[in-house]
């Protein structure tokens, strides 16, 4: 019987291990080896987001870059929010422009409310509207004990991961129309928290709750709020927050025995931003390589 060569074993689709490596946070795509796959060569759009305007935080690299590429190829103009990784952000913007869409780059710290307001104001000024808000940027740092976590680090993690989400949603609300969508990035750690990532895992659980309650609050407005819970994904956050030895083992404990790639998340973000998910609100889509979320 002839085998269908279009079917690919997901366990063997991407690398199952990585060379030991380390970076300073927030990390950069430029220094990663191998470089992550964001769908640069593979994602093909079909007009699912034609004419829409999106704001993506953490859009310079990782999941944010993959989502930006996919959204642009689906027809959306994009405001790329990032901290200070200029080279990464410019690369992402070039992919957006190659897709024939407008890319607006805005660096800055989303842990500050004033900057979050500036992001919304800039999107409205540049695009005239805002249809999609992707709260994706996050901070984490592995610590072996509670005593190693400073009050400043705890505060910064919450301000980046959860306060920014509140700031952005609040600033955006008066300008969102029925049919607009909010997509938040949670984590498998909201379900199976990693002991060395206490501040991060606490924020991801908060994101789950925030998404569910905001979805109920805004359903009557016709604004849908959902989130995605990734498992271990190969992004600059990994060499930026783990030891070289941990990086070498990253993702191996999943049932698929490998880490995921940003490109494997992008279609889910497209679904949640598009009319294909019109009856989805308050949902979490898990993309975890088989890691349990129950």
Protein backbone atom coordinates (compact mmCIF):
# COMPACT_ATOMS: atom_id res chain seq x y z
CA UNK A 1 0.00 0.00 0.00
CA UNK A 2 1.38 3.38 -1.01
CA UNK A 3 2.19 5.65 1.94
CA UNK A 4 0.91 9.23 2.05
CA UNK A 5 4.13 11.27 2.06
CA UNK A 6 2.23 14.38 3.21
CA UNK A 7 1.81 12.96 6.71
CA UNK A 8 4.67 13.75 9.08
CA UNK A 9 5.47 12.27 12.48
CA UNK A 10 5.13 15.23 14.88
CA UNK A 11 7.77 13.76 17.20
CA UNK A 12 10.38 14.04 14.44
CA UNK A 13 9.35 17.35 12.91
CA UNK A 14 11.83 19.47 14.87
CA UNK A 15 15.05 19.04 16.91
CA UNK A 16 14.79 16.94 20.05
CA UNK A 17 17.76 18.58 21.78
CA UNK A 18 19.69 21.84 21.80
CA UNK A 19 23.35 22.70 22.38
CA UNK A 20 24.02 24.15 25.85
CA UNK A 21 23.80 27.94 25.62
CA UNK A 22 23.09 30.97 27.76
CA UNK A 23 22.05 34.60 27.23
CA UNK A 24 21.24 37.64 29.28
CA UNK A 25 17.54 38.46 29.47
CA UNK A 26 15.50 39.35 27.51
CA UNK A 27 17.46 37.23 25.03
CA UNK A 28 17.82 37.54 21.28
CA UNK A 29 16.99 35.40 18.27
CA UNK A 30 20.36 36.39 16.81
CA UNK A 31 22.30 34.40 19.41
CA UNK A 32 20.19 31.24 19.44
CA UNK A 33 21.35 28.02 17.83
CA UNK A 34 19.50 26.55 16.19
CA UNK A 35 17.32 29.52 15.30
CA UNK A 36 13.63 28.93 16.06
CA UNK A 37 11.12 28.27 13.29
CA UNK A 38 8.48 31.01 13.13
CA UNK A 39 6.87 29.80 9.93
CA UNK A 40 8.99 32.10 7.77
CA UNK A 41 9.18 29.49 5.00
CA UNK A 42 5.98 27.56 5.64
CA UNK A 43 3.05 29.67 6.82
CA UNK A 44 0.58 30.37 4.01
CA UNK A 45 -2.27 32.80 4.57
CA UNK A 46 -5.78 32.64 3.16
CA UNK A 47 -7.25 36.04 4.04
CA UNK A 48 -8.67 35.11 7.44
CA UNK A 49 -7.73 38.51 8.92
CA UNK A 50 -8.01 40.71 5.85
CA UNK A 51 -8.12 44.40 6.76
CA UNK A 52 -7.79 43.91 10.50
CA UNK A 53 -5.41 45.77 12.78
CA UNK A 54 -3.46 43.98 15.49
CA UNK A 55 -1.24 44.90 18.42
CA UNK A 56 1.14 42.16 19.56
CA UNK A 57 3.36 42.47 22.64
CA UNK A 58 6.67 40.61 22.63
CA UNK A 59 6.40 40.67 18.84
CA UNK A 60 10.11 40.88 18.11
CA UNK A 61 10.84 37.18 18.61
CA UNK A 62 9.54 33.78 19.66
CA UNK A 63 5.79 33.22 19.68
CA UNK A 64 5.18 36.92 19.04
CA UNK A 65 7.17 36.85 15.81
CA UNK A 66 5.41 33.72 14.60
CA UNK A 67 2.02 35.31 15.29
CA UNK A 68 3.06 38.53 13.54
CA UNK A 69 4.16 36.63 10.43
CA UNK A 70 0.95 34.60 10.35
CA UNK A 71 -1.32 37.60 10.95
CA UNK A 72 0.40 39.61 8.22
CA UNK A 73 0.04 36.77 5.73
CA UNK A 74 -3.64 36.54 6.72
CA UNK A 75 -4.08 40.22 5.84
CA UNK A 76 -3.58 42.19 9.08
CA UNK A 77 -1.52 45.32 9.73
CA UNK A 78 0.48 45.02 12.94
CA UNK A 79 1.90 47.15 15.73
CA UNK A 80 4.97 45.32 17.03
CA UNK A 81 5.53 45.99 20.73
CA UNK A 82 8.90 44.96 22.16
CA UNK A 83 11.29 45.94 24.95
CA UNK A 84 14.61 46.88 23.29
CA UNK A 85 15.61 44.09 20.89
CA UNK A 86 15.95 46.30 17.82
CA UNK A 87 17.58 43.79 15.47
CA UNK A 88 15.00 41.09 16.21
CA UNK A 89 12.12 43.57 15.89
CA UNK A 90 13.37 44.88 12.55
CA UNK A 91 13.59 41.33 11.20
CA UNK A 92 9.99 40.67 12.23
CA UNK A 93 8.84 43.96 10.70
CA UNK A 94 10.50 43.00 7.41
CA UNK A 95 8.49 39.77 7.27
CA UNK A 96 5.30 41.74 7.88
CA UNK A 97 6.15 44.18 5.10
CA UNK A 98 7.08 41.39 2.71
CA UNK A 99 3.52 40.15 3.18
CA UNK A 100 2.31 43.53 1.96
CA UNK A 101 1.12 44.74 5.35
CA UNK A 102 1.98 47.75 7.50
CA UNK A 103 4.39 47.22 10.42
CA UNK A 104 4.67 49.79 13.21
CA UNK A 105 7.50 49.27 15.72
CA UNK A 106 7.15 50.63 19.25
CA UNK A 107 9.86 49.78 21.80
CA UNK A 108 9.33 50.24 25.52
CA UNK A 109 8.55 48.64 28.85
CA UNK A 110 4.97 47.32 29.12
CA UNK A 111 5.33 47.03 32.91
CA UNK A 112 4.66 50.79 32.91
CA UNK A 113 1.03 51.85 32.50
CA UNK A 114 1.94 55.02 30.60
CA UNK A 115 3.69 52.97 27.92
CA UNK A 116 0.71 50.63 27.59
CA UNK A 117 -1.55 53.63 27.01
CA UNK A 118 0.96 54.89 24.45
CA UNK A 119 0.79 51.57 22.59
CA UNK A 120 -2.99 51.74 22.25
CA UNK A 121 -2.88 55.41 21.23
CA UNK A 122 -0.21 54.68 18.61
CA UNK A 123 -2.20 51.79 17.15
CA UNK A 124 -5.27 54.00 16.82
CA UNK A 125 -3.24 56.83 15.28
CA UNK A 126 -1.47 54.56 12.78
CA UNK A 127 -4.38 52.27 11.87
CA UNK A 128 -7.54 54.19 12.78
CA UNK A 129 -8.84 51.16 14.68
CA UNK A 130 -7.77 48.18 16.77
CA UNK A 131 -9.33 44.76 16.17
CA UNK A 132 -6.90 42.29 17.77
CA UNK A 133 -4.84 42.59 20.94
CA UNK A 134 -2.36 39.81 21.67
CA UNK A 135 -0.93 39.98 25.20
CA UNK A 136 2.09 37.78 24.68
CA UNK A 137 5.19 39.37 26.25
CA UNK A 138 6.42 37.78 29.46
CA UNK A 139 9.32 37.65 31.88
CA UNK A 140 10.63 34.65 33.78
CA UNK A 141 13.76 33.68 35.65
CA UNK A 142 14.57 30.30 37.16
CA UNK A 143 15.41 30.34 40.87
CA UNK A 144 16.26 27.36 43.07
CA UNK A 145 14.62 28.75 46.23
CA UNK A 146 12.17 31.37 47.41
CA UNK A 147 15.06 33.17 49.12
CA UNK A 148 16.66 33.82 45.73
CA UNK A 149 13.64 35.78 44.48
CA UNK A 150 13.92 39.46 45.32
CA UNK A 151 10.85 41.59 45.95
CA UNK A 152 11.87 43.65 42.91
CA UNK A 153 11.94 40.57 40.67
CA UNK A 154 8.56 39.39 41.99
CA UNK A 155 7.06 42.81 41.33
CA UNK A 156 8.59 43.12 37.84
CA UNK A 157 7.34 39.67 36.82
CA UNK A 158 3.79 40.51 37.84
CA UNK A 159 3.94 43.98 36.29
CA UNK A 160 5.17 42.54 32.97
CA UNK A 161 3.03 39.42 32.78
CA UNK A 162 -0.29 40.43 34.34
CA UNK A 163 -0.38 44.17 35.11
CA UNK A 164 0.45 45.00 31.48
CA UNK A 165 -2.47 42.86 30.35
CA UNK A 166 -4.79 44.85 32.61
CA UNK A 167 -3.32 48.17 31.48
CA UNK A 168 -3.64 47.32 27.78
CA UNK A 169 -7.14 45.86 27.96
CA UNK A 170 -8.38 48.83 29.99
CA UNK A 171 -6.87 51.35 27.58
CA UNK A 172 -8.19 49.45 24.54
CA UNK A 173 -11.74 48.81 25.76
CA UNK A 174 -13.32 52.15 24.71
CA UNK A 175 -12.01 51.65 21.17
CA UNK A 176 -12.88 47.98 20.59
CA UNK A 177 -15.86 47.19 18.38
CA UNK A 178 -18.07 44.09 18.35
CA UNK A 179 -16.01 41.38 16.66
CA UNK A 180 -12.74 42.49 18.25
CA UNK A 181 -10.67 39.84 19.99
CA UNK A 182 -8.20 39.63 22.86
CA UNK A 183 -5.76 36.72 22.99
CA UNK A 184 -3.62 36.19 26.07
CA UNK A 185 -0.63 33.89 26.38
CA UNK A 186 -0.86 31.64 29.41
CA UNK A 187 1.29 28.53 29.92
CA UNK A 188 1.22 24.85 30.76
CA UNK A 189 2.75 26.08 34.01
CA UNK A 190 -0.69 27.35 35.01
CA UNK A 191 -1.67 23.66 35.29
CA UNK A 192 1.58 21.94 36.26
CA UNK A 193 3.67 24.69 37.91
CA UNK A 194 7.43 24.35 37.81
CA UNK A 195 8.92 24.87 41.31
CA UNK A 196 11.84 26.93 39.98
CA UNK A 197 9.51 29.43 38.26
CA UNK A 198 7.27 30.53 41.14
CA UNK A 199 6.61 34.16 40.11
CA UNK A 200 6.10 33.21 36.46
CA UNK A 201 3.75 30.31 37.16
CA UNK A 202 1.69 32.45 39.54
CA UNK A 203 1.21 35.07 36.84
CA UNK A 204 0.20 32.45 34.29
CA UNK A 205 -2.51 31.13 36.61
CA UNK A 206 -3.69 34.72 37.04
CA UNK A 207 -3.84 35.10 33.25
CA UNK A 208 -6.13 32.07 33.03
CA UNK A 209 -8.49 33.59 35.58
CA UNK A 210 -8.32 37.09 34.06
CA UNK A 211 -9.15 35.68 30.62
CA UNK A 212 -12.16 33.75 31.89
CA UNK A 213 -13.64 36.62 33.87
CA UNK A 214 -12.99 39.27 31.22
CA UNK A 215 -14.57 37.02 28.58
CA UNK A 216 -17.77 36.94 30.65
CA UNK A 217 -17.65 40.68 31.27
CA UNK A 218 -17.17 41.60 27.61
CA UNK A 219 -19.31 38.95 25.91
CA UNK A 220 -22.26 41.33 25.85
CA UNK A 221 -20.08 43.83 23.98
CA UNK A 222 -19.35 41.26 21.27
CA UNK A 223 -15.66 41.24 22.24
CA UNK A 224 -14.16 37.78 22.62
CA UNK A 225 -11.34 37.03 25.08
CA UNK A 226 -9.42 33.75 24.94
CA UNK A 227 -5.95 32.47 25.70
CA UNK A 228 -3.33 29.99 24.55
CA UNK A 229 -1.35 27.81 26.96
CA UNK A 230 1.96 26.83 25.32
CA UNK A 231 4.15 24.05 26.62
CA UNK A 232 7.95 24.29 26.35
CA UNK A 233 8.61 26.42 23.26
CA UNK A 234 12.06 27.24 21.83
CA UNK A 235 12.29 31.03 22.22
CA UNK A 236 14.92 33.50 23.53
CA UNK A 237 13.27 33.27 26.94
CA UNK A 238 14.79 29.81 27.35
CA UNK A 239 18.55 30.47 27.06
CA UNK A 240 17.83 33.78 28.80
CA UNK A 241 16.38 32.24 31.96
CA UNK A 242 17.74 28.68 32.25
CA UNK A 243 21.23 27.27 32.73
CA UNK A 244 23.07 25.79 29.73
CA UNK A 245 22.52 22.32 31.18
CA UNK A 246 18.76 22.90 31.44
CA UNK A 247 18.66 24.26 27.89
CA UNK A 248 20.26 21.02 26.63
CA UNK A 249 17.39 19.04 28.20
CA UNK A 250 14.64 21.50 27.32
CA UNK A 251 11.43 19.85 26.15
CA UNK A 252 12.68 16.28 26.45
CA UNK A 253 10.24 15.42 29.24
CA UNK A 254 7.14 16.09 27.17
CA UNK A 255 5.29 13.05 25.76
CA UNK A 256 6.54 14.10 22.31
CA UNK A 257 10.11 14.14 23.69
CA UNK A 258 10.91 17.57 22.20
CA UNK A 259 10.25 21.28 22.61
CA UNK A 260 7.76 23.02 20.40
CA UNK A 261 8.58 25.73 17.87
CA UNK A 262 6.86 29.13 17.63
CA UNK A 263 5.49 28.18 14.20
CA UNK A 264 3.44 25.45 15.87
CA UNK A 265 1.55 28.06 17.94
CA UNK A 266 0.72 30.59 15.22
CA UNK A 267 -2.29 28.76 13.69
CA UNK A 268 -4.03 28.72 17.07
CA UNK A 269 -3.59 32.49 17.46
CA UNK A 270 -4.98 32.92 13.95
CA UNK A 271 -8.01 30.80 14.83
CA UNK A 272 -8.74 32.81 17.97
CA UNK A 273 -8.38 36.12 16.09
CA UNK A 274 -10.60 35.06 13.20
CA UNK A 275 -14.31 34.49 12.66
CA UNK A 276 -13.59 30.76 12.77
CA UNK A 277 -13.73 31.00 16.57
CA UNK A 278 -16.85 33.17 16.78
CA UNK A 279 -18.39 31.01 19.55
CA UNK A 280 -15.20 30.74 21.59
CA UNK A 281 -14.88 33.01 24.63
CA UNK A 282 -13.07 32.39 27.89
CA UNK A 283 -11.38 29.36 26.34
CA UNK A 284 -7.81 28.18 26.73
CA UNK A 285 -6.24 26.26 23.87
CA UNK A 286 -3.39 24.07 25.09
CA UNK A 287 -0.41 23.51 22.80
CA UNK A 288 1.83 21.48 25.07
CA UNK A 289 3.33 18.54 23.20
CA UNK A 290 1.10 16.25 25.26
CA UNK A 291 1.85 17.68 28.71
CA UNK A 292 -1.29 17.28 30.84
CA UNK A 293 -3.53 20.24 31.64
CA UNK A 294 -6.10 18.40 33.77
